[in-house]
Amino acid sequence: MARKDKLTIEALLRALEPLQRLHNSMPLPCVITFLLIALYEGKSMSDYARDLGVSRFTMFRYLQFIGERARSGGPGLGLICVEPHPTHLRGTRVRLSAKGRAIANAMFEKV
């Protein structure tokens, strides 16, 4: 493997450290969902599901894991919050919580 490739992988591993410290066995789809929300904050659950090519139900499960309340009814990771959309009566949008923003910033600083 080329040195440049190794450096890229090392940077990726360092960037993921804040998430690993938060939850040591966070599923990769939830990591990807969190990063997608950090990158394109404010979309609807359906938009994120479409972006990742998964069903709305699957996206709902990912959002529960990284959101305020886990699927089991216990506390989630608290990285995102789902709020009413400002212009669509029945719509929602997904945003980073203060905790999620702090984790995202910590990740981006390591790259």
PDB file of N, CA and C in Angstrom:
ATOM      1  N   MET A   1       0.845  -1.165   0.000  1.00  0.00           N
ATOM      2  CA  MET A   1       0.000   0.000   0.000  1.00  0.00           C
ATOM      3  C   MET A   1       0.902   1.244   0.000  1.00  0.00           C
ATOM      4  N   ALA A   2       0.521   2.195  -0.783  1.00  0.00           N
ATOM      5  CA  ALA A   2       1.287   3.434  -0.904  1.00  0.00           C
ATOM      6  C   ALA A   2       1.193   4.264   0.380  1.00  0.00           C
ATOM      7  N   ARG A   3       2.234   5.006   0.665  1.00  0.00           N
ATOM      8  CA  ARG A   3       2.277   5.837   1.871  1.00  0.00           C
ATOM      9  C   ARG A   3       1.110   6.823   1.916  1.00  0.00           C
ATOM     10  N   LYS A   4       0.781   7.407   0.788  1.00  0.00           N
ATOM     11  CA  LYS A   4      -0.335   8.360   0.715  1.00  0.00           C
ATOM     12  C   LYS A   4      -1.643   7.690   1.139  1.00  0.00           C
ATOM     13  N   ASP A   5      -1.855   6.461   0.702  1.00  0.00           N
ATOM     14  CA  ASP A   5      -3.062   5.724   1.066  1.00  0.00           C
ATOM     15  C   ASP A   5      -3.095   5.441   2.564  1.00  0.00           C
ATOM     16  N   LYS A   6      -1.945   5.072   3.124  1.00  0.00           N
ATOM     17  CA  LYS A   6      -1.867   4.808   4.560  1.00  0.00           C
ATOM     18  C   LYS A   6      -2.171   6.067   5.362  1.00  0.00           C
ATOM     19  N   LEU A   7      -1.673   7.195   4.905  1.00  0.00           N
ATOM     20  CA  LEU A   7      -1.934   8.463   5.591  1.00  0.00           C
ATOM     21  C   LEU A   7      -3.424   8.808   5.550  1.00  0.00           C
ATOM     22  N   THR A   8      -4.068   8.537   4.428  1.00  0.00           N
ATOM     23  CA  THR A   8      -5.497   8.785   4.296  1.00  0.00           C
ATOM     24  C   THR A   8      -6.284   7.910   5.269  1.00  0.00           C
ATOM     25  N   ILE A   9      -5.935   6.646   5.359  1.00  0.00           N
ATOM     26  CA  ILE A   9      -6.620   5.731   6.273  1.00  0.00           C
ATOM     27  C   ILE A   9      -6.383   6.145   7.722  1.00  0.00           C
ATOM     28  N   GLU A  10      -5.160   6.548   8.048  1.00  0.00           N
ATOM     29  CA  GLU A  10      -4.866   7.014   9.402  1.00  0.00           C
ATOM     30  C   GLU A  10      -5.702   8.243   9.757  1.00  0.00           C
ATOM     31  N   ALA A  11      -5.860   9.160   8.813  1.00  0.00           N
ATOM     32  CA  ALA A  11      -6.673  10.355   9.049  1.00  0.00           C
ATOM     33  C   ALA A  11      -8.135   9.967   9.268  1.00  0.00           C
ATOM     34  N   LEU A  12      -8.622   9.026   8.499  1.00  0.00           N
ATOM     35  CA  LEU A  12     -10.000   8.558   8.662  1.00  0.00           C
ATOM     36  C   LEU A  12     -10.193   7.927  10.038  1.00  0.00           C
ATOM     37  N   LEU A  13      -9.270   7.110  10.466  1.00  0.00           N
ATOM     38  CA  LEU A  13      -9.357   6.477  11.782  1.00  0.00           C
ATOM     39  C   LEU A  13      -9.347   7.526  12.899  1.00  0.00           C
ATOM     40  N   ARG A  14      -8.496   8.542  12.775  1.00  0.00           N
ATOM     41  CA  ARG A  14      -8.459   9.610  13.778  1.00  0.00           C
ATOM     42  C   ARG A  14      -9.787  10.367  13.805  1.00  0.00           C
ATOM     43  N   ALA A  15     -10.351  10.611  12.633  1.00  0.00           N
ATOM     44  CA  ALA A  15     -11.611  11.348  12.549  1.00  0.00           C
ATOM     45  C   ALA A  15     -12.759  10.580  13.198  1.00  0.00           C
ATOM     46  N   LEU A  16     -12.705   9.264  13.141  1.00  0.00           N
ATOM     47  CA  LEU A  16     -13.787   8.452  13.698  1.00  0.00           C
ATOM     48  C   LEU A  16     -13.659   8.250  15.214  1.00  0.00           C
ATOM     49  N   GLU A  17     -12.526   8.627  15.801  1.00  0.00           N
ATOM     50  CA  GLU A  17     -12.298   8.438  17.236  1.00  0.00           C
ATOM     51  C   GLU A  17     -13.397   9.030  18.120  1.00  0.00           C
ATOM     52  N   PRO A  18     -13.876  10.260  17.868  1.00  0.00           N
ATOM     53  CA  PRO A  18     -14.929  10.803  18.747  1.00  0.00           C
ATOM     54  C   PRO A  18     -16.197   9.951  18.753  1.00  0.00           C
ATOM     55  N   LEU A  19     -16.567   9.404  17.616  1.00  0.00           N
ATOM     56  CA  LEU A  19     -17.739   8.525  17.580  1.00  0.00           C
ATOM     57  C   LEU A  19     -17.462   7.214  18.298  1.00  0.00           C
ATOM     58  N   GLN A  20     -16.271   6.691  18.150  1.00  0.00           N
ATOM     59  CA  GLN A  20     -15.933   5.433  18.808  1.00  0.00           C
ATOM     60  C   GLN A  20     -15.934   5.605  20.323  1.00  0.00           C
ATOM     61  N   ARG A  21     -15.448   6.738  20.802  1.00  0.00           N
ATOM     62  CA  ARG A  21     -15.468   6.993  22.246  1.00  0.00           C
ATOM     63  C   ARG A  21     -16.895   7.108  22.767  1.00  0.00           C
ATOM     64  N   LEU A  22     -17.780   7.662  21.935  1.00  0.00           N
ATOM     65  CA  LEU A  22     -19.178   7.826  22.322  1.00  0.00           C
ATOM     66  C   LEU A  22     -19.893   6.477  22.393  1.00  0.00           C
ATOM     67  N   HIS A  23     -19.669   5.645  21.385  1.00  0.00           N
ATOM     68  CA  HIS A  23     -20.317   4.329  21.326  1.00  0.00           C
ATOM     69  C   HIS A  23     -19.387   3.387  20.582  1.00  0.00           C
ATOM     70  N   ASN A  24     -18.779   2.491  21.296  1.00  0.00           N
ATOM     71  CA  ASN A  24     -17.719   1.645  20.748  1.00  0.00           C
ATOM     72  C   ASN A  24     -18.174   0.730  19.611  1.00  0.00           C
ATOM     73  N   SER A  25     -19.448   0.377  19.576  1.00  0.00           N
ATOM     74  CA  SER A  25     -19.901  -0.554  18.532  1.00  0.00           C
ATOM     75  C   SER A  25     -21.021   0.060  17.682  1.00  0.00           C
ATOM     76  N   MET A  26     -20.854   1.322  17.337  1.00  0.00           N
ATOM     77  CA  MET A  26     -21.843   2.014  16.505  1.00  0.00           C
ATOM     78  C   MET A  26     -21.852   1.396  15.113  1.00  0.00           C
ATOM     79  N   PRO A  27     -23.034   0.956  14.635  1.00  0.00           N
ATOM     80  CA  PRO A  27     -23.102   0.345  13.301  1.00  0.00           C
ATOM     81  C   PRO A  27     -22.692   1.331  12.200  1.00  0.00           C
ATOM     82  N   LEU A  28     -21.991   0.809  11.204  1.00  0.00           N
ATOM     83  CA  LEU A  28     -21.511   1.652  10.108  1.00  0.00           C
ATOM     84  C   LEU A  28     -22.629   2.450   9.430  1.00  0.00           C
ATOM     85  N   PRO A  29     -23.818   1.865   9.160  1.00  0.00           N
ATOM     86  CA  PRO A  29     -24.871   2.680   8.546  1.00  0.00           C
ATOM     87  C   PRO A  29     -25.270   3.891   9.395  1.00  0.00           C
ATOM     88  N   CYS A  30     -25.187   3.765  10.715  1.00  0.00           N
ATOM     89  CA  CYS A  30     -25.503   4.897  11.587  1.00  0.00           C
ATOM     90  C   CYS A  30     -24.403   5.947  11.536  1.00  0.00           C
ATOM     91  N   VAL A  31     -23.155   5.514  11.418  1.00  0.00           N
ATOM     92  CA  VAL A  31     -22.039   6.451  11.251  1.00  0.00           C
ATOM     93  C   VAL A  31     -22.230   7.228   9.948  1.00  0.00           C
ATOM     94  N   ILE A  32     -22.541   6.510   8.884  1.00  0.00           N
ATOM     95  CA  ILE A  32     -22.738   7.152   7.576  1.00  0.00           C
ATOM     96  C   ILE A  32     -23.914   8.119   7.635  1.00  0.00           C
ATOM     97  N   THR A  33     -24.999   7.722   8.289  1.00  0.00           N
ATOM     98  CA  THR A  33     -26.161   8.598   8.423  1.00  0.00           C
ATOM     99  C   THR A  33     -25.791   9.866   9.175  1.00  0.00           C
ATOM    100  N   PHE A  34     -25.054   9.713  10.283  1.00  0.00           N
ATOM    101  CA  PHE A  34     -24.622  10.882  11.054  1.00  0.00           C
ATOM    102  C   PHE A  34     -23.778  11.822  10.187  1.00  0.00           C
ATOM    103  N   LEU A  35     -22.835  11.267   9.452  1.00  0.00           N
ATOM    104  CA  LEU A  35     -21.973  12.096   8.600  1.00  0.00           C
ATOM    105  C   LEU A  35     -22.768  12.781   7.500  1.00  0.00           C
ATOM    106  N   LEU A  36     -23.750  12.085   6.937  1.00  0.00           N
ATOM    107  CA  LEU A  36     -24.597  12.662   5.896  1.00  0.00           C
ATOM    108  C   LEU A  36     -25.404  13.839   6.458  1.00  0.00           C
ATOM    109  N   ILE A  37     -25.919  13.673   7.670  1.00  0.00           N
ATOM    110  CA  ILE A  37     -26.676  14.755   8.296  1.00  0.00           C
ATOM    111  C   ILE A  37     -25.751  15.929   8.606  1.00  0.00           C
ATOM    112  N   ALA A  38     -24.543  15.648   9.090  1.00  0.00           N
ATOM    113  CA  ALA A  38     -23.589  16.720   9.364  1.00  0.00           C
ATOM    114  C   ALA A  38     -23.241  17.495   8.091  1.00  0.00           C
ATOM    115  N   LEU A  39     -23.168  16.781   6.982  1.00  0.00           N
ATOM    116  CA  LEU A  39     -22.809  17.398   5.708  1.00  0.00           C
ATOM    117  C   LEU A  39     -23.971  18.155   5.076  1.00  0.00           C
ATOM    118  N   TYR A  40     -25.168  17.586   5.153  1.00  0.00           N
ATOM    119  CA  TYR A  40     -26.361  18.165   4.510  1.00  0.00           C
ATOM    120  C   TYR A  40     -27.479  18.283   5.536  1.00  0.00           C
ATOM    121  N   GLU A  41     -27.248  19.073   6.540  1.00  0.00           N
ATOM    122  CA  GLU A  41     -28.191  19.205   7.643  1.00  0.00           C
ATOM    123  C   GLU A  41     -29.503  19.841   7.196  1.00  0.00           C
ATOM    124  N   GLY A  42     -30.611  19.396   7.798  1.00  0.00           N
ATOM    125  CA  GLY A  42     -31.905  20.029   7.582  1.00  0.00           C
ATOM    126  C   GLY A  42     -32.813  19.346   6.588  1.00  0.00           C
ATOM    127  N   LYS A  43     -32.399  18.219   6.035  1.00  0.00           N
ATOM    128  CA  LYS A  43     -33.257  17.489   5.103  1.00  0.00           C
ATOM    129  C   LYS A  43     -34.284  16.662   5.880  1.00  0.00           C
ATOM    130  N   SER A  44     -35.232  16.106   5.149  1.00  0.00           N
ATOM    131  CA  SER A  44     -36.224  15.230   5.770  1.00  0.00           C
ATOM    132  C   SER A  44     -35.684  13.811   5.866  1.00  0.00           C
ATOM    133  N   MET A  45     -36.336  13.006   6.694  1.00  0.00           N
ATOM    134  CA  MET A  45     -35.963  11.599   6.813  1.00  0.00           C
ATOM    135  C   MET A  45     -36.043  10.914   5.449  1.00  0.00           C
ATOM    136  N   SER A  46     -37.056  11.231   4.676  1.00  0.00           N
ATOM    137  CA  SER A  46     -37.211  10.634   3.345  1.00  0.00           C
ATOM    138  C   SER A  46     -36.059  11.001   2.425  1.00  0.00           C
ATOM    139  N   ASP A  47     -35.604  12.239   2.509  1.00  0.00           N
ATOM    140  CA  ASP A  47     -34.474  12.673   1.680  1.00  0.00           C
ATOM    141  C   ASP A  47     -33.216  11.875   2.014  1.00  0.00           C
ATOM    142  N   TYR A  48     -32.941  11.718   3.316  1.00  0.00           N
ATOM    143  CA  TYR A  48     -31.758  10.950   3.716  1.00  0.00           C
ATOM    144  C   TYR A  48     -31.890   9.481   3.305  1.00  0.00           C
ATOM    145  N   ALA A  49     -33.093   8.930   3.435  1.00  0.00           N
ATOM    146  CA  ALA A  49     -33.317   7.541   3.009  1.00  0.00           C
ATOM    147  C   ALA A  49     -33.039   7.405   1.514  1.00  0.00           C
ATOM    148  N   ARG A  50     -33.520   8.335   0.743  1.00  0.00           N
ATOM    149  CA  ARG A  50     -33.296   8.314  -0.706  1.00  0.00           C
ATOM    150  C   ARG A  50     -31.799   8.452  -1.011  1.00  0.00           C
ATOM    151  N   ASP A  51     -31.121   9.351  -0.308  1.00  0.00           N
ATOM    152  CA  ASP A  51     -29.685   9.551  -0.522  1.00  0.00           C
ATOM    153  C   ASP A  51     -28.877   8.278  -0.272  1.00  0.00           C
ATOM    154  N   LEU A  52     -29.283   7.502   0.741  1.00  0.00           N
ATOM    155  CA  LEU A  52     -28.557   6.272   1.077  1.00  0.00           C
ATOM    156  C   LEU A  52     -29.112   5.032   0.386  1.00  0.00           C
ATOM    157  N   GLY A  53     -30.245   5.181  -0.300  1.00  0.00           N
ATOM    158  CA  GLY A  53     -30.831   4.043  -1.003  1.00  0.00           C
ATOM    159  C   GLY A  53     -31.439   3.017  -0.061  1.00  0.00           C
ATOM    160  N   VAL A  54     -32.016   3.488   1.048  1.00  0.00           N
ATOM    161  CA  VAL A  54     -32.672   2.594   1.999  1.00  0.00           C
ATOM    162  C   VAL A  54     -34.131   3.010   2.145  1.00  0.00           C
ATOM    163  N   SER A  55     -34.927   2.146   2.755  1.00  0.00           N
ATOM    164  CA  SER A  55     -36.337   2.471   2.977  1.00  0.00           C
ATOM    165  C   SER A  55     -36.476   3.521   4.076  1.00  0.00           C
ATOM    166  N   ARG A  56     -37.635   4.157   4.133  1.00  0.00           N
ATOM    167  CA  ARG A  56     -37.899   5.126   5.197  1.00  0.00           C
ATOM    168  C   ARG A  56     -37.874   4.432   6.556  1.00  0.00           C
ATOM    169  N   PHE A  57     -38.361   3.203   6.611  1.00  0.00           N
ATOM    170  CA  PHE A  57     -38.347   2.447   7.865  1.00  0.00           C
ATOM    171  C   PHE A  57     -36.919   2.224   8.348  1.00  0.00           C
ATOM    172  N   THR A  58     -36.040   1.827   7.431  1.00  0.00           N
ATOM    173  CA  THR A  58     -34.632   1.612   7.791  1.00  0.00           C
ATOM    174  C   THR A  58     -34.000   2.915   8.260  1.00  0.00           C
ATOM    175  N   MET A  59     -34.259   4.014   7.552  1.00  0.00           N
ATOM    176  CA  MET A  59     -33.718   5.313   7.964  1.00  0.00           C
ATOM    177  C   MET A  59     -34.263   5.698   9.332  1.00  0.00           C
ATOM    178  N   PHE A  60     -35.526   5.426   9.585  1.00  0.00           N
ATOM    179  CA  PHE A  60     -36.124   5.718  10.883  1.00  0.00           C
ATOM    180  C   PHE A  60     -35.354   4.996  11.991  1.00  0.00           C
ATOM    181  N   ARG A  61     -34.979   3.756  11.749  1.00  0.00           N
ATOM    182  CA  ARG A  61     -34.207   2.988  12.734  1.00  0.00           C
ATOM    183  C   ARG A  61     -32.823   3.605  12.964  1.00  0.00           C
ATOM    184  N   TYR A  62     -32.156   4.032  11.889  1.00  0.00           N
ATOM    185  CA  TYR A  62     -30.855   4.683  12.025  1.00  0.00           C
ATOM    186  C   TYR A  62     -30.987   5.971  12.849  1.00  0.00           C
ATOM    187  N   LEU A  63     -32.038   6.750  12.546  1.00  0.00           N
ATOM    188  CA  LEU A  63     -32.238   8.016  13.244  1.00  0.00           C
ATOM    189  C   LEU A  63     -32.560   7.787  14.718  1.00  0.00           C
ATOM    190  N   GLN A  64     -33.276   6.700  15.015  1.00  0.00           N
ATOM    191  CA  GLN A  64     -33.540   6.385  16.418  1.00  0.00           C
ATOM    192  C   GLN A  64     -32.235   6.107  17.149  1.00  0.00           C
ATOM    193  N   PHE A  65     -31.347   5.358  16.527  1.00  0.00           N
ATOM    194  CA  PHE A  65     -30.084   4.995  17.156  1.00  0.00           C
ATOM    195  C   PHE A  65     -29.260   6.226  17.496  1.00  0.00           C
ATOM    196  N   ILE A  66     -29.178   7.169  16.559  1.00  0.00           N
ATOM    197  CA  ILE A  66     -28.347   8.352  16.797  1.00  0.00           C
ATOM    198  C   ILE A  66     -29.143   9.522  17.380  1.00  0.00           C
ATOM    199  N   GLY A  67     -30.457   9.339  17.535  1.00  0.00           N
ATOM    200  CA  GLY A  67     -31.313  10.398  18.056  1.00  0.00           C
ATOM    201  C   GLY A  67     -31.467  10.371  19.561  1.00  0.00           C
ATOM    202  N   GLU A  68     -32.536  10.989  20.021  1.00  0.00           N
ATOM    203  CA  GLU A  68     -32.761  11.139  21.453  1.00  0.00           C
ATOM    204  C   GLU A  68     -33.268   9.866  22.122  1.00  0.00           C
ATOM    205  N   ARG A  69     -34.068   9.085  21.422  1.00  0.00           N
ATOM    206  CA  ARG A  69     -34.660   7.901  22.022  1.00  0.00           C
ATOM    207  C   ARG A  69     -34.391   6.694  21.136  1.00  0.00           C
ATOM    208  N   ALA A  70     -33.787   5.666  21.727  1.00  0.00           N
ATOM    209  CA  ALA A  70     -33.448   4.452  20.986  1.00  0.00           C
ATOM    210  C   ALA A  70     -34.704   3.637  20.698  1.00  0.00           C
ATOM    211  N   ARG A  71     -34.565   2.692  19.805  1.00  0.00           N
ATOM    212  CA  ARG A  71     -35.673   1.815  19.425  1.00  0.00           C
ATOM    213  C   ARG A  71     -36.246   1.069  20.618  1.00  0.00           C
ATOM    214  N   SER A  72     -35.404   0.742  21.579  1.00  0.00           N
ATOM    215  CA  SER A  72     -35.827   0.002  22.767  1.00  0.00           C
ATOM    216  C   SER A  72     -36.634   0.868  23.726  1.00  0.00           C
ATOM    217  N   GLY A  73     -36.687   2.164  23.458  1.00  0.00           N
ATOM    218  CA  GLY A  73     -37.385   3.085  24.343  1.00  0.00           C
ATOM    219  C   GLY A  73     -36.448   3.784  25.305  1.00  0.00           C
ATOM    220  N   GLY A  74     -35.228   3.279  25.414  1.00  0.00           N
ATOM    221  CA  GLY A  74     -34.222   3.912  26.270  1.00  0.00           C
ATOM    222  C   GLY A  74     -33.599   5.104  25.579  1.00  0.00           C
ATOM    223  N   PRO A  75     -32.617   5.691  26.211  1.00  0.00           N
ATOM    224  CA  PRO A  75     -31.974   6.863  25.600  1.00  0.00           C
ATOM    225  C   PRO A  75     -31.159   6.488  24.373  1.00  0.00           C
ATOM    226  N   GLY A  76     -31.210   7.347  23.376  1.00  0.00           N
ATOM    227  CA  GLY A  76     -30.367   7.195  22.194  1.00  0.00           C
ATOM    228  C   GLY A  76     -29.064   7.939  22.420  1.00  0.00           C
ATOM    229  N   LEU A  77     -28.305   8.115  21.351  1.00  0.00           N
ATOM    230  CA  LEU A  77     -27.018   8.808  21.469  1.00  0.00           C
ATOM    231  C   LEU A  77     -27.169  10.325  21.571  1.00  0.00           C
ATOM    232  N   GLY A  78     -28.313  10.854  21.160  1.00  0.00           N
ATOM    233  CA  GLY A  78     -28.550  12.286  21.283  1.00  0.00           C
ATOM    234  C   GLY A  78     -27.767  13.154  20.322  1.00  0.00           C
ATOM    235  N   LEU A  79     -27.395  12.589  19.167  1.00  0.00           N
ATOM    236  CA  LEU A  79     -26.594  13.346  18.203  1.00  0.00           C
ATOM    237  C   LEU A  79     -27.432  14.194  17.252  1.00  0.00           C
ATOM    238  N   ILE A  80     -28.694  13.830  17.098  1.00  0.00           N
ATOM    239  CA  ILE A  80     -29.561  14.561  16.163  1.00  0.00           C
ATOM    240  C   ILE A  80     -30.900  14.834  16.827  1.00  0.00           C
ATOM    241  N   CYS A  81     -31.640  15.757  16.255  1.00  0.00           N
ATOM    242  CA  CYS A  81     -33.014  15.973  16.685  1.00  0.00           C
ATOM    243  C   CYS A  81     -33.869  16.110  15.427  1.00  0.00           C
ATOM    244  N   VAL A  82     -35.075  15.605  15.527  1.00  0.00           N
ATOM    245  CA  VAL A  82     -36.035  15.692  14.431  1.00  0.00           C
ATOM    246  C   VAL A  82     -37.052  16.740  14.851  1.00  0.00           C
ATOM    247  N   GLU A  83     -37.193  17.753  14.020  1.00  0.00           N
ATOM    248  CA  GLU A  83     -38.072  18.864  14.366  1.00  0.00           C
ATOM    249  C   GLU A  83     -39.071  19.115  13.261  1.00  0.00           C
ATOM    250  N   PRO A  84     -40.178  19.786  13.578  1.00  0.00           N
ATOM    251  CA  PRO A  84     -41.163  20.110  12.536  1.00  0.00           C
ATOM    252  C   PRO A  84     -40.529  20.976  11.455  1.00  0.00           C
ATOM    253  N   HIS A  85     -40.929  20.712  10.218  1.00  0.00           N
ATOM    254  CA  HIS A  85     -40.433  21.524   9.100  1.00  0.00           C
ATOM    255  C   HIS A  85     -41.100  22.901   9.175  1.00  0.00           C
ATOM    256  N   PRO A  86     -40.356  23.968   8.936  1.00  0.00           N
ATOM    257  CA  PRO A  86     -40.929  25.307   9.090  1.00  0.00           C
ATOM    258  C   PRO A  86     -42.024  25.654   8.067  1.00  0.00           C
ATOM    259  N   THR A  87     -42.028  24.981   6.903  1.00  0.00           N
ATOM    260  CA  THR A  87     -43.012  25.341   5.883  1.00  0.00           C
ATOM    261  C   THR A  87     -43.965  24.209   5.498  1.00  0.00           C
ATOM    262  N   HIS A  88     -43.625  22.961   5.803  1.00  0.00           N
ATOM    263  CA  HIS A  88     -44.505  21.834   5.490  1.00  0.00           C
ATOM    264  C   HIS A  88     -45.210  21.394   6.756  1.00  0.00           C
ATOM    265  N   LEU A  89     -46.532  21.469   6.757  1.00  0.00           N
ATOM    266  CA  LEU A  89     -47.302  21.189   7.961  1.00  0.00           C
ATOM    267  C   LEU A  89     -47.001  19.828   8.576  1.00  0.00           C
ATOM    268  N   ARG A  90     -46.945  18.779   7.762  1.00  0.00           N
ATOM    269  CA  ARG A  90     -46.730  17.436   8.303  1.00  0.00           C
ATOM    270  C   ARG A  90     -45.282  16.976   8.158  1.00  0.00           C
ATOM    271  N   GLY A  91     -44.437  17.814   7.619  1.00  0.00           N
ATOM    272  CA  GLY A  91     -43.056  17.428   7.379  1.00  0.00           C
ATOM    273  C   GLY A  91     -42.150  17.649   8.585  1.00  0.00           C
ATOM    274  N   THR A  92     -41.022  16.984   8.547  1.00  0.00           N
ATOM    275  CA  THR A  92     -40.007  17.173   9.577  1.00  0.00           C
ATOM    276  C   THR A  92     -38.660  17.381   8.902  1.00  0.00           C
ATOM    277  N   ARG A  93     -37.714  17.846   9.677  1.00  0.00           N
ATOM    278  CA  ARG A  93     -36.348  17.939   9.189  1.00  0.00           C
ATOM    279  C   ARG A  93     -35.412  17.469  10.301  1.00  0.00           C
ATOM    280  N   VAL A  94     -34.271  16.989   9.885  1.00  0.00           N
ATOM    281  CA  VAL A  94     -33.313  16.412  10.820  1.00  0.00           C
ATOM    282  C   VAL A  94     -32.125  17.348  10.942  1.00  0.00           C
ATOM    283  N   ARG A  95     -31.759  17.642  12.171  1.00  0.00           N
ATOM    284  CA  ARG A  95     -30.648  18.551  12.422  1.00  0.00           C
ATOM    285  C   ARG A  95     -29.737  17.954  13.484  1.00  0.00           C
ATOM    286  N   LEU A  96     -28.515  18.408  13.535  1.00  0.00           N
ATOM    287  CA  LEU A  96     -27.606  17.990  14.594  1.00  0.00           C
ATOM    288  C   LEU A  96     -28.020  18.652  15.901  1.00  0.00           C
ATOM    289  N   SER A  97     -27.933  17.901  16.992  1.00  0.00           N
ATOM    290  CA  SER A  97     -28.117  18.488  18.317  1.00  0.00           C
ATOM    291  C   SER A  97     -26.810  19.189  18.691  1.00  0.00           C
ATOM    292  N   ALA A  98     -26.806  19.880  19.816  1.00  0.00           N
ATOM    293  CA  ALA A  98     -25.564  20.510  20.281  1.00  0.00           C
ATOM    294  C   ALA A  98     -24.484  19.450  20.487  1.00  0.00           C
ATOM    295  N   LYS A  99     -24.866  18.314  21.033  1.00  0.00           N
ATOM    296  CA  LYS A  99     -23.921  17.211  21.237  1.00  0.00           C
ATOM    297  C   LYS A  99     -23.402  16.692  19.894  1.00  0.00           C
ATOM    298  N   GLY A 100     -24.312  16.529  18.919  1.00  0.00           N
ATOM    299  CA  GLY A 100     -23.925  16.066  17.586  1.00  0.00           C
ATOM    300  C   GLY A 100     -22.992  17.030  16.894  1.00  0.00           C
ATOM    301  N   ARG A 101     -23.266  18.319  17.054  1.00  0.00           N
ATOM    302  CA  ARG A 101     -22.408  19.342  16.440  1.00  0.00           C
ATOM    303  C   ARG A 101     -21.010  19.300  17.063  1.00  0.00           C
ATOM    304  N   ALA A 102     -20.940  19.099  18.376  1.00  0.00           N
ATOM    305  CA  ALA A 102     -19.641  19.017  19.055  1.00  0.00           C
ATOM    306  C   ALA A 102     -18.861  17.791  18.577  1.00  0.00           C
ATOM    307  N   ILE A 103     -19.547  16.659  18.423  1.00  0.00           N
ATOM    308  CA  ILE A 103     -18.884  15.435  17.927  1.00  0.00           C
ATOM    309  C   ILE A 103     -18.404  15.648  16.494  1.00  0.00           C
ATOM    310  N   ALA A 104     -19.262  16.224  15.639  1.00  0.00           N
ATOM    311  CA  ALA A 104     -18.893  16.471  14.248  1.00  0.00           C
ATOM    312  C   ALA A 104     -17.680  17.397  14.176  1.00  0.00           C
ATOM    313  N   ASN A 105     -17.686  18.460  14.969  1.00  0.00           N
ATOM    314  CA  ASN A 105     -16.539  19.391  14.973  1.00  0.00           C
ATOM    315  C   ASN A 105     -15.273  18.690  15.427  1.00  0.00           C
ATOM    316  N   ALA A 106     -15.392  17.845  16.446  1.00  0.00           N
ATOM    317  CA  ALA A 106     -14.216  17.104  16.925  1.00  0.00           C
ATOM    318  C   ALA A 106     -13.684  16.168  15.834  1.00  0.00           C
ATOM    319  N   MET A 107     -14.593  15.571  15.074  1.00  0.00           N
ATOM    320  CA  MET A 107     -14.185  14.687  13.991  1.00  0.00           C
ATOM    321  C   MET A 107     -13.475  15.470  12.890  1.00  0.00           C
ATOM    322  N   PHE A 108     -14.033  16.595  12.505  1.00  0.00           N
ATOM    323  CA  PHE A 108     -13.490  17.374  11.399  1.00  0.00           C
ATOM    324  C   PHE A 108     -12.136  17.986  11.764  1.00  0.00           C
ATOM    325  N   GLU A 109     -11.933  18.276  13.054  1.00  0.00           N
ATOM    326  CA  GLU A 109     -10.645  18.834  13.482  1.00  0.00           C
ATOM    327  C   GLU A 109      -9.514  17.809  13.340  1.00  0.00           C
ATOM    328  N   LYS A 110      -9.837  16.533  13.357  1.00  0.00           N
ATOM    329  CA  LYS A 110      -8.828  15.487  13.307  1.00  0.00           C
ATOM    330  C   LYS A 110      -8.390  15.138  11.888  1.00  0.00           C
ATOM    331  N   VAL A 111      -9.102  15.661  10.913  1.00  0.00           N
ATOM    332  CA  VAL A 111      -8.769  15.338   9.527  1.00  0.00           C
ATOM    333  C   VAL A 111      -7.706  16.286   9.013  1.00  0.00           C
TER     334      VAL A 111
END
